[in-house]
Full PDB file with SEQRES, HELIX, SHEET, SSBOND, CRYST1, ORIGX, SCALE, CONECT and MASTER records, all heavy atoms in Angstrom:
SEQRES   1 A   35  THR GLY ASP ASN TYR ASN LYS LYS CYS LEU VAL SER PHE          
SEQRES   2 A   35  CYS ASP ARG TYR GLU MET VAL LEU LEU MET THR ASN ASN          
SEQRES   3 A   35  ASN PRO ASN LEU GLU ILE SER SER ILE                          
HELIX    1 AA1 PHE A   13  THR A   24  1                                  12    
CRYST1    1.000    1.000    1.000  90.00  90.00  90.00 P 1           1          
ORIGX1      1.000000  0.000000  0.000000        0.00000                         
ORIGX2      0.000000  1.000000  0.000000        0.00000                         
ORIGX3      0.000000  0.000000  1.000000        0.00000                         
SCALE1      1.000000  0.000000  0.000000        0.00000                         
SCALE2      0.000000  1.000000  0.000000        0.00000                         
SCALE3      0.000000  0.000000  1.000000        0.00000                         
ATOM      1  N   THR A   1     101.197 141.331  11.704  1.00  0.00           N  
ATOM      2  CA  THR A   1     100.963 140.436  10.545  1.00  0.00           C  
ATOM      3  C   THR A   1     100.218 139.255  10.952  1.00  0.00           C  
ATOM      4  O   THR A   1     100.143 138.818  12.107  1.00  0.00           O  
ATOM      5  CB  THR A   1     102.362 139.965   9.952  1.00  0.00           C  
ATOM      6  OG1 THR A   1     102.999 139.248  11.021  1.00  0.00           O  
ATOM      7  CG2 THR A   1     103.099 141.161   9.509  1.00  0.00           C  
ATOM      8  N   GLY A   2      99.631 138.549   9.933  1.00  0.00           N  
ATOM      9  CA  GLY A   2      98.832 137.369  10.208  1.00  0.00           C  
ATOM     10  C   GLY A   2      99.793 136.117  10.426  1.00  0.00           C  
ATOM     11  O   GLY A   2     100.983 136.192  10.396  1.00  0.00           O  
ATOM     12  N   ASP A   3      99.093 135.046  10.703  1.00  0.00           N  
ATOM     13  CA  ASP A   3      99.838 133.822  10.991  1.00  0.00           C  
ATOM     14  C   ASP A   3     100.588 133.242   9.774  1.00  0.00           C  
ATOM     15  O   ASP A   3     101.501 132.326   9.890  1.00  0.00           O  
ATOM     16  CB  ASP A   3      98.943 132.727  11.606  1.00  0.00           C  
ATOM     17  CG  ASP A   3      98.440 133.074  12.967  1.00  0.00           C  
ATOM     18  OD1 ASP A   3      99.210 133.847  13.688  1.00  0.00           O  
ATOM     19  OD2 ASP A   3      97.396 132.761  13.318  1.00  0.00           O  
ATOM     20  N   ASN A   4     100.310 133.631   8.591  1.00  0.00           N  
ATOM     21  CA  ASN A   4     100.980 133.120   7.363  1.00  0.00           C  
ATOM     22  C   ASN A   4     102.332 133.865   7.038  1.00  0.00           C  
ATOM     23  O   ASN A   4     102.979 133.551   6.080  1.00  0.00           O  
ATOM     24  CB  ASN A   4      99.987 133.226   6.232  1.00  0.00           C  
ATOM     25  CG  ASN A   4      98.823 132.327   6.318  1.00  0.00           C  
ATOM     26  OD1 ASN A   4      98.879 131.322   6.959  1.00  0.00           O  
ATOM     27  ND2 ASN A   4      97.777 132.688   5.724  1.00  0.00           N  
ATOM     28  N   TYR A   5     102.734 134.756   7.897  1.00  0.00           N  
ATOM     29  CA  TYR A   5     103.974 135.429   7.772  1.00  0.00           C  
ATOM     30  C   TYR A   5     105.113 134.416   7.899  1.00  0.00           C  
ATOM     31  O   TYR A   5     105.127 133.609   8.729  1.00  0.00           O  
ATOM     32  CB  TYR A   5     104.081 136.559   8.799  1.00  0.00           C  
ATOM     33  CG  TYR A   5     105.258 137.490   8.649  1.00  0.00           C  
ATOM     34  CD1 TYR A   5     105.373 138.346   7.539  1.00  0.00           C  
ATOM     35  CD2 TYR A   5     106.255 137.463   9.581  1.00  0.00           C  
ATOM     36  CE1 TYR A   5     106.465 139.207   7.439  1.00  0.00           C  
ATOM     37  CE2 TYR A   5     107.393 138.315   9.460  1.00  0.00           C  
ATOM     38  CZ  TYR A   5     107.488 139.204   8.451  1.00  0.00           C  
ATOM     39  OH  TYR A   5     108.468 139.999   8.279  1.00  0.00           O  
ATOM     40  N   ASN A   6     106.060 134.495   6.935  1.00  0.00           N  
ATOM     41  CA  ASN A   6     107.110 133.508   6.830  1.00  0.00           C  
ATOM     42  C   ASN A   6     108.270 133.853   7.806  1.00  0.00           C  
ATOM     43  O   ASN A   6     109.232 134.452   7.424  1.00  0.00           O  
ATOM     44  CB  ASN A   6     107.661 133.373   5.377  1.00  0.00           C  
ATOM     45  CG  ASN A   6     108.609 132.269   5.234  1.00  0.00           C  
ATOM     46  OD1 ASN A   6     108.668 131.339   6.071  1.00  0.00           O  
ATOM     47  ND2 ASN A   6     109.345 132.195   4.178  1.00  0.00           N  
ATOM     48  N   LYS A   7     108.091 133.525   9.038  1.00  0.00           N  
ATOM     49  CA  LYS A   7     109.118 133.812  10.121  1.00  0.00           C  
ATOM     50  C   LYS A   7     109.097 132.584  11.055  1.00  0.00           C  
ATOM     51  O   LYS A   7     108.044 132.155  11.461  1.00  0.00           O  
ATOM     52  CB  LYS A   7     108.710 135.153  10.858  1.00  0.00           C  
ATOM     53  CG  LYS A   7     109.731 135.533  11.811  1.00  0.00           C  
ATOM     54  CD  LYS A   7     109.415 136.896  12.422  1.00  0.00           C  
ATOM     55  CE  LYS A   7     110.495 137.417  13.239  1.00  0.00           C  
ATOM     56  NZ  LYS A   7     110.214 138.718  13.770  1.00  0.00           N  
ATOM     57  N   LYS A   8     110.309 132.207  11.345  1.00  0.00           N  
ATOM     58  CA  LYS A   8     110.436 130.995  12.313  1.00  0.00           C  
ATOM     59  C   LYS A   8     109.903 131.391  13.643  1.00  0.00           C  
ATOM     60  O   LYS A   8     110.110 132.474  14.110  1.00  0.00           O  
ATOM     61  CB  LYS A   8     111.855 130.515  12.336  1.00  0.00           C  
ATOM     62  CG  LYS A   8     112.311 129.898  11.098  1.00  0.00           C  
ATOM     63  CD  LYS A   8     113.758 129.263  11.284  1.00  0.00           C  
ATOM     64  CE  LYS A   8     114.168 128.629   9.923  1.00  0.00           C  
ATOM     65  NZ  LYS A   8     115.500 128.030  10.178  1.00  0.00           N  
ATOM     66  N   CYS A   9     109.246 130.415  14.256  1.00  0.00           N  
ATOM     67  CA  CYS A   9     108.922 130.550  15.710  1.00  0.00           C  
ATOM     68  C   CYS A   9     107.891 131.726  15.894  1.00  0.00           C  
ATOM     69  O   CYS A   9     107.805 132.423  16.912  1.00  0.00           O  
ATOM     70  CB  CYS A   9     110.073 130.738  16.648  1.00  0.00           C  
ATOM     71  SG  CYS A   9     111.154 129.441  16.548  1.00  0.00           S  
ATOM     72  N   LEU A  10     107.027 131.986  14.971  1.00  0.00           N  
ATOM     73  CA  LEU A  10     106.045 133.091  15.087  1.00  0.00           C  
ATOM     74  C   LEU A  10     104.880 132.632  15.954  1.00  0.00           C  
ATOM     75  O   LEU A  10     104.302 131.585  15.820  1.00  0.00           O  
ATOM     76  CB  LEU A  10     105.432 133.288  13.663  1.00  0.00           C  
ATOM     77  CG  LEU A  10     104.506 134.484  13.548  1.00  0.00           C  
ATOM     78  CD1 LEU A  10     105.214 135.809  13.829  1.00  0.00           C  
ATOM     79  CD2 LEU A  10     103.824 134.496  12.173  1.00  0.00           C  
ATOM     80  N   VAL A  11     104.716 133.457  17.073  1.00  0.00           N  
ATOM     81  CA  VAL A  11     103.656 133.195  17.967  1.00  0.00           C  
ATOM     82  C   VAL A  11     102.341 133.446  17.300  1.00  0.00           C  
ATOM     83  O   VAL A  11     102.265 134.244  16.348  1.00  0.00           O  
ATOM     84  CB  VAL A  11     103.830 134.117  19.203  1.00  0.00           C  
ATOM     85  CG1 VAL A  11     102.799 133.960  20.197  1.00  0.00           C  
ATOM     86  CG2 VAL A  11     105.164 133.806  19.863  1.00  0.00           C  
ATOM     87  N   SER A  12     101.205 132.875  17.763  1.00  0.00           N  
ATOM     88  CA  SER A  12      99.992 132.956  17.101  1.00  0.00           C  
ATOM     89  C   SER A  12      99.486 134.464  17.071  1.00  0.00           C  
ATOM     90  O   SER A  12      99.841 135.281  17.910  1.00  0.00           O  
ATOM     91  CB  SER A  12      98.951 132.192  17.813  1.00  0.00           C  
ATOM     92  OG  SER A  12      98.486 132.775  18.975  1.00  0.00           O  
ATOM     93  N   PHE A  13      98.727 134.808  16.055  1.00  0.00           N  
ATOM     94  CA  PHE A  13      98.248 136.103  15.915  1.00  0.00           C  
ATOM     95  C   PHE A  13      97.528 136.604  17.191  1.00  0.00           C  
ATOM     96  O   PHE A  13      97.685 137.755  17.647  1.00  0.00           O  
ATOM     97  CB  PHE A  13      97.266 136.255  14.717  1.00  0.00           C  
ATOM     98  CG  PHE A  13      96.682 137.653  14.616  1.00  0.00           C  
ATOM     99  CD1 PHE A  13      97.320 138.669  13.972  1.00  0.00           C  
ATOM    100  CD2 PHE A  13      95.471 137.877  15.243  1.00  0.00           C  
ATOM    101  CE1 PHE A  13      96.763 139.927  13.903  1.00  0.00           C  
ATOM    102  CE2 PHE A  13      94.846 139.242  15.134  1.00  0.00           C  
ATOM    103  CZ  PHE A  13      95.588 140.215  14.467  1.00  0.00           C  
ATOM    104  N   CYS A  14      96.686 135.750  17.728  1.00  0.00           N  
ATOM    105  CA  CYS A  14      95.922 136.099  18.944  1.00  0.00           C  
ATOM    106  C   CYS A  14      96.852 136.497  20.040  1.00  0.00           C  
ATOM    107  O   CYS A  14      96.573 137.475  20.749  1.00  0.00           O  
ATOM    108  CB  CYS A  14      94.970 134.949  19.374  1.00  0.00           C  
ATOM    109  SG  CYS A  14      93.690 134.680  18.193  1.00  0.00           S  
ATOM    110  N   ASP A  15      97.945 135.780  20.287  1.00  0.00           N  
ATOM    111  CA  ASP A  15      98.890 136.007  21.399  1.00  0.00           C  
ATOM    112  C   ASP A  15      99.542 137.329  21.111  1.00  0.00           C  
ATOM    113  O   ASP A  15      99.878 138.141  21.985  1.00  0.00           O  
ATOM    114  CB  ASP A  15      99.871 134.880  21.549  1.00  0.00           C  
ATOM    115  CG  ASP A  15      99.188 133.681  22.148  1.00  0.00           C  
ATOM    116  OD1 ASP A  15      98.166 133.779  22.709  1.00  0.00           O  
ATOM    117  OD2 ASP A  15      99.743 132.557  22.088  1.00  0.00           O  
ATOM    118  N   ARG A  16     100.092 137.489  19.837  1.00  0.00           N  
ATOM    119  CA  ARG A  16     100.729 138.741  19.497  1.00  0.00           C  
ATOM    120  C   ARG A  16      99.827 140.005  19.619  1.00  0.00           C  
ATOM    121  O   ARG A  16     100.206 141.061  20.125  1.00  0.00           O  
ATOM    122  CB  ARG A  16     101.348 138.651  18.165  1.00  0.00           C  
ATOM    123  CG  ARG A  16     102.487 137.665  18.116  1.00  0.00           C  
ATOM    124  CD  ARG A  16     103.159 137.597  16.660  1.00  0.00           C  
ATOM    125  NE  ARG A  16     102.317 136.917  15.780  1.00  0.00           N  
ATOM    126  CZ  ARG A  16     101.797 137.424  14.690  1.00  0.00           C  
ATOM    127  NH1 ARG A  16     102.047 138.691  14.402  1.00  0.00           N  
ATOM    128  NH2 ARG A  16     101.013 136.701  13.920  1.00  0.00           N  
ATOM    129  N   TYR A  17      98.598 139.874  19.218  1.00  0.00           N  
ATOM    130  CA  TYR A  17      97.594 140.867  19.311  1.00  0.00           C  
ATOM    131  C   TYR A  17      97.400 141.284  20.750  1.00  0.00           C  
ATOM    132  O   TYR A  17      97.427 142.447  21.191  1.00  0.00           O  
ATOM    133  CB  TYR A  17      96.254 140.419  18.748  1.00  0.00           C  
ATOM    134  CG  TYR A  17      95.147 141.425  18.776  1.00  0.00           C  
ATOM    135  CD1 TYR A  17      94.957 142.308  17.692  1.00  0.00           C  
ATOM    136  CD2 TYR A  17      94.383 141.601  19.939  1.00  0.00           C  
ATOM    137  CE1 TYR A  17      93.966 143.310  17.762  1.00  0.00           C  
ATOM    138  CE2 TYR A  17      93.342 142.603  19.912  1.00  0.00           C  
ATOM    139  CZ  TYR A  17      93.196 143.385  18.840  1.00  0.00           C  
ATOM    140  OH  TYR A  17      92.259 144.386  18.865  1.00  0.00           O  
ATOM    141  N   GLU A  18      97.275 140.319  21.643  1.00  0.00           N  
ATOM    142  CA  GLU A  18      97.024 140.532  23.078  1.00  0.00           C  
ATOM    143  C   GLU A  18      98.276 141.236  23.696  1.00  0.00           C  
ATOM    144  O   GLU A  18      98.187 142.127  24.571  1.00  0.00           O  
ATOM    145  CB  GLU A  18      96.789 139.248  23.843  1.00  0.00           C  
ATOM    146  CG  GLU A  18      95.416 138.678  23.593  1.00  0.00           C  
ATOM    147  CD  GLU A  18      94.200 139.603  24.017  1.00  0.00           C  
ATOM    148  OE1 GLU A  18      94.391 140.229  25.052  1.00  0.00           O  
ATOM    149  OE2 GLU A  18      93.287 139.571  23.289  1.00  0.00           O  
ATOM    150  N   MET A  19      99.536 140.803  23.263  1.00  0.00           N  
ATOM    151  CA  MET A  19     100.683 141.501  23.779  1.00  0.00           C  
ATOM    152  C   MET A  19     100.818 142.998  23.362  1.00  0.00           C  
ATOM    153  O   MET A  19     101.096 143.878  24.243  1.00  0.00           O  
ATOM    154  CB  MET A  19     101.947 140.795  23.278  1.00  0.00           C  
ATOM    155  CG  MET A  19     102.202 139.449  24.022  1.00  0.00           C  
ATOM    156  SD  MET A  19     103.784 138.676  23.616  1.00  0.00           S  
ATOM    157  CE  MET A  19     103.550 138.133  21.950  1.00  0.00           C  
ATOM    158  N   VAL A  20     100.459 143.259  22.163  1.00  0.00           N  
ATOM    159  CA  VAL A  20     100.374 144.668  21.637  1.00  0.00           C  
ATOM    160  C   VAL A  20      99.319 145.483  22.376  1.00  0.00           C  
ATOM    161  O   VAL A  20      99.486 146.606  22.776  1.00  0.00           O  
ATOM    162  CB  VAL A  20     100.251 144.785  20.127  1.00  0.00           C  
ATOM    163  CG1 VAL A  20     100.124 146.217  19.660  1.00  0.00           C  
ATOM    164  CG2 VAL A  20     101.412 144.153  19.457  1.00  0.00           C  
ATOM    165  N   LEU A  21      98.136 144.777  22.604  1.00  0.00           N  
ATOM    166  CA  LEU A  21      97.075 145.421  23.273  1.00  0.00           C  
ATOM    167  C   LEU A  21      97.527 145.800  24.690  1.00  0.00           C  
ATOM    168  O   LEU A  21      97.150 146.946  25.121  1.00  0.00           O  
ATOM    169  CB  LEU A  21      95.881 144.486  23.374  1.00  0.00           C  
ATOM    170  CG  LEU A  21      94.681 145.085  23.918  1.00  0.00           C  
ATOM    171  CD1 LEU A  21      94.089 146.175  23.119  1.00  0.00           C  
ATOM    172  CD2 LEU A  21      93.532 143.960  24.028  1.00  0.00           C  
ATOM    173  N   LEU A  22      98.251 144.957  25.377  1.00  0.00           N  
ATOM    174  CA  LEU A  22      98.782 145.305  26.762  1.00  0.00           C  
ATOM    175  C   LEU A  22      99.744 146.504  26.596  1.00  0.00           C  
ATOM    176  O   LEU A  22      99.753 147.299  27.428  1.00  0.00           O  
ATOM    177  CB  LEU A  22      99.473 144.114  27.315  1.00  0.00           C  
ATOM    178  CG  LEU A  22      98.664 143.045  27.777  1.00  0.00           C  
ATOM    179  CD1 LEU A  22      99.465 141.737  28.233  1.00  0.00           C  
ATOM    180  CD2 LEU A  22      97.770 143.438  28.935  1.00  0.00           C  
ATOM    181  N   MET A  23     100.568 146.557  25.570  1.00  0.00           N  
ATOM    182  CA  MET A  23     101.516 147.663  25.418  1.00  0.00           C  
ATOM    183  C   MET A  23     100.766 148.960  25.141  1.00  0.00           C  
ATOM    184  O   MET A  23     101.277 150.008  25.571  1.00  0.00           O  
ATOM    185  CB  MET A  23     102.473 147.332  24.262  1.00  0.00           C  
ATOM    186  CG  MET A  23     103.495 148.326  23.969  1.00  0.00           C  
ATOM    187  SD  MET A  23     104.616 147.929  22.656  1.00  0.00           S  
ATOM    188  CE  MET A  23     103.527 148.185  21.276  1.00  0.00           C  
ATOM    189  N   THR A  24      99.694 148.984  24.467  1.00  0.00           N  
ATOM    190  CA  THR A  24      99.006 150.183  24.072  1.00  0.00           C  
ATOM    191  C   THR A  24      97.919 150.593  24.974  1.00  0.00           C  
ATOM    192  O   THR A  24      97.343 151.753  24.781  1.00  0.00           O  
ATOM    193  CB  THR A  24      98.344 150.118  22.649  1.00  0.00           C  
ATOM    194  OG1 THR A  24      97.468 148.975  22.638  1.00  0.00           O  
ATOM    195  CG2 THR A  24      99.453 149.774  21.632  1.00  0.00           C  
ATOM    196  N   ASN A  25      97.534 149.767  25.889  1.00  0.00           N  
ATOM    197  CA  ASN A  25      96.360 149.908  26.777  1.00  0.00           C  
ATOM    198  C   ASN A  25      96.329 151.322  27.560  1.00  0.00           C  
ATOM    199  O   ASN A  25      95.231 151.747  27.761  1.00  0.00           O  
ATOM    200  CB  ASN A  25      96.293 148.758  27.734  1.00  0.00           C  
ATOM    201  CG  ASN A  25      94.861 148.187  27.890  1.00  0.00           C  
ATOM    202  OD1 ASN A  25      93.946 148.596  27.068  1.00  0.00           O  
ATOM    203  ND2 ASN A  25      94.728 147.304  28.785  1.00  0.00           N  
ATOM    204  N   ASN A  26      97.407 151.784  27.919  1.00  0.00           N  
ATOM    205  CA  ASN A  26      97.408 152.997  28.736  1.00  0.00           C  
ATOM    206  C   ASN A  26      97.547 154.285  27.949  1.00  0.00           C  
ATOM    207  O   ASN A  26      97.695 155.315  28.655  1.00  0.00           O  
ATOM    208  CB  ASN A  26      98.515 152.894  29.803  1.00  0.00           C  
ATOM    209  CG  ASN A  26      98.321 151.782  30.786  1.00  0.00           C  
ATOM    210  OD1 ASN A  26      97.208 151.511  31.148  1.00  0.00           O  
ATOM    211  ND2 ASN A  26      99.351 151.150  31.162  1.00  0.00           N  
ATOM    212  N   ASN A  27      97.515 154.271  26.726  1.00  0.00           N  
ATOM    213  CA  ASN A  27      97.745 155.427  25.902  1.00  0.00           C  
ATOM    214  C   ASN A  27      96.616 155.599  24.796  1.00  0.00           C  
ATOM    215  O   ASN A  27      96.525 154.750  23.887  1.00  0.00           O  
ATOM    216  CB  ASN A  27      99.137 155.457  25.232  1.00  0.00           C  
ATOM    217  CG  ASN A  27      99.539 156.817  24.629  1.00  0.00           C  
ATOM    218  OD1 ASN A  27      98.615 157.424  24.080  1.00  0.00           O  
ATOM    219  ND2 ASN A  27     100.725 157.118  24.712  1.00  0.00           N  
ATOM    220  N   PRO A  28      95.783 156.615  24.853  1.00  0.00           N  
ATOM    221  CA  PRO A  28      94.689 156.696  23.886  1.00  0.00           C  
ATOM    222  C   PRO A  28      95.240 157.050  22.457  1.00  0.00           C  
ATOM    223  O   PRO A  28      94.430 156.913  21.544  1.00  0.00           O  
ATOM    224  CB  PRO A  28      93.829 157.917  24.473  1.00  0.00           C  
ATOM    225  CG  PRO A  28      94.793 158.628  25.264  1.00  0.00           C  
ATOM    226  CD  PRO A  28      95.731 157.679  25.910  1.00  0.00           C  
ATOM    227  N   ASN A  29      96.501 157.388  22.328  1.00  0.00           N  
ATOM    228  CA  ASN A  29      97.030 157.785  20.990  1.00  0.00           C  
ATOM    229  C   ASN A  29      97.696 156.514  20.379  1.00  0.00           C  
ATOM    230  O   ASN A  29      98.253 156.613  19.201  1.00  0.00           O  
ATOM    231  CB  ASN A  29      98.062 158.866  21.088  1.00  0.00           C  
ATOM    232  CG  ASN A  29      97.447 160.114  21.580  1.00  0.00           C  
ATOM    233  OD1 ASN A  29      96.359 160.520  21.210  1.00  0.00           O  
ATOM    234  ND2 ASN A  29      98.099 160.814  22.535  1.00  0.00           N  
ATOM    235  N   LEU A  30      97.634 155.346  21.062  1.00  0.00           N  
ATOM    236  CA  LEU A  30      98.157 154.095  20.458  1.00  0.00           C  
ATOM    237  C   LEU A  30      97.042 153.128  20.399  1.00  0.00           C  
ATOM    238  O   LEU A  30      96.310 152.900  21.345  1.00  0.00           O  
ATOM    239  CB  LEU A  30      99.310 153.542  21.350  1.00  0.00           C  
ATOM    240  CG  LEU A  30     100.529 154.419  21.636  1.00  0.00           C  
ATOM    241  CD1 LEU A  30     101.478 153.749  22.593  1.00  0.00           C  
ATOM    242  CD2 LEU A  30     101.128 154.806  20.341  1.00  0.00           C  
ATOM    243  N   GLU A  31      96.857 152.546  19.179  1.00  0.00           N  
ATOM    244  CA  GLU A  31      95.765 151.580  18.952  1.00  0.00           C  
ATOM    245  C   GLU A  31      96.324 150.407  18.297  1.00  0.00           C  
ATOM    246  O   GLU A  31      97.427 150.378  17.828  1.00  0.00           O  
ATOM    247  CB  GLU A  31      94.692 152.182  18.113  1.00  0.00           C  
ATOM    248  CG  GLU A  31      93.866 153.285  18.756  1.00  0.00           C  
ATOM    249  CD  GLU A  31      92.749 153.825  17.915  1.00  0.00           C  
ATOM    250  OE1 GLU A  31      92.437 153.167  16.967  1.00  0.00           O  
ATOM    251  OE2 GLU A  31      92.170 154.836  18.212  1.00  0.00           O  
ATOM    252  N   ILE A  32      95.479 149.407  18.240  1.00  0.00           N  
ATOM    253  CA  ILE A  32      95.916 148.163  17.527  1.00  0.00           C  
ATOM    254  C   ILE A  32      94.752 147.756  16.572  1.00  0.00           C  
ATOM    255  O   ILE A  32      93.492 147.962  16.955  1.00  0.00           O  
ATOM    256  CB  ILE A  32      96.233 147.005  18.498  1.00  0.00           C  
ATOM    257  CG1 ILE A  32      96.695 145.782  17.669  1.00  0.00           C  
ATOM    258  CG2 ILE A  32      95.064 146.706  19.400  1.00  0.00           C  
ATOM    259  CD1 ILE A  32      97.205 144.664  18.571  1.00  0.00           C  
ATOM    260  N   SER A  33      95.072 147.196  15.433  1.00  0.00           N  
ATOM    261  CA  SER A  33      94.072 146.755  14.424  1.00  0.00           C  
ATOM    262  C   SER A  33      94.242 145.230  14.289  1.00  0.00           C  
ATOM    263  O   SER A  33      95.262 144.674  14.331  1.00  0.00           O  
ATOM    264  CB  SER A  33      94.366 147.411  13.091  1.00  0.00           C  
ATOM    265  OG  SER A  33      93.530 146.840  12.073  1.00  0.00           O  
ATOM    266  N   SER A  34      93.091 144.528  14.079  1.00  0.00           N  
ATOM    267  CA  SER A  34      93.066 143.107  13.838  1.00  0.00           C  
ATOM    268  C   SER A  34      92.996 142.754  12.358  1.00  0.00           C  
ATOM    269  O   SER A  34      92.770 141.636  12.067  1.00  0.00           O  
ATOM    270  CB  SER A  34      91.992 142.420  14.612  1.00  0.00           C  
ATOM    271  OG  SER A  34      90.714 142.891  14.140  1.00  0.00           O  
ATOM    272  N   ILE A  35      93.212 143.775  11.542  1.00  0.00           N  
ATOM    273  CA  ILE A  35      93.041 143.541  10.095  1.00  0.00           C  
ATOM    274  C   ILE A  35      93.986 142.467   9.519  1.00  0.00           C  
ATOM    275  O   ILE A  35      93.725 141.827   8.549  1.00  0.00           O  
ATOM    276  CB  ILE A  35      93.242 144.840   9.242  1.00  0.00           C  
ATOM    277  CG1 ILE A  35      92.721 144.699   7.842  1.00  0.00           C  
ATOM    278  CG2 ILE A  35      94.716 145.299   9.309  1.00  0.00           C  
ATOM    279  CD1 ILE A  35      92.600 145.983   7.148  1.00  0.00           C  
TER     280      ILE A  35                                                      
MASTER        0    0    0    1    0    0    0    6  279    1    0    3          
END                                                                             
């Protein structure tokens, strides 16, 4: 979700994107979208 998601202590989109990217990096069947 984007940074406007109403959740306390939400880390920035860029940081969450990078964390998911690290999680999916070793598997070609897992991807991430920046939409």
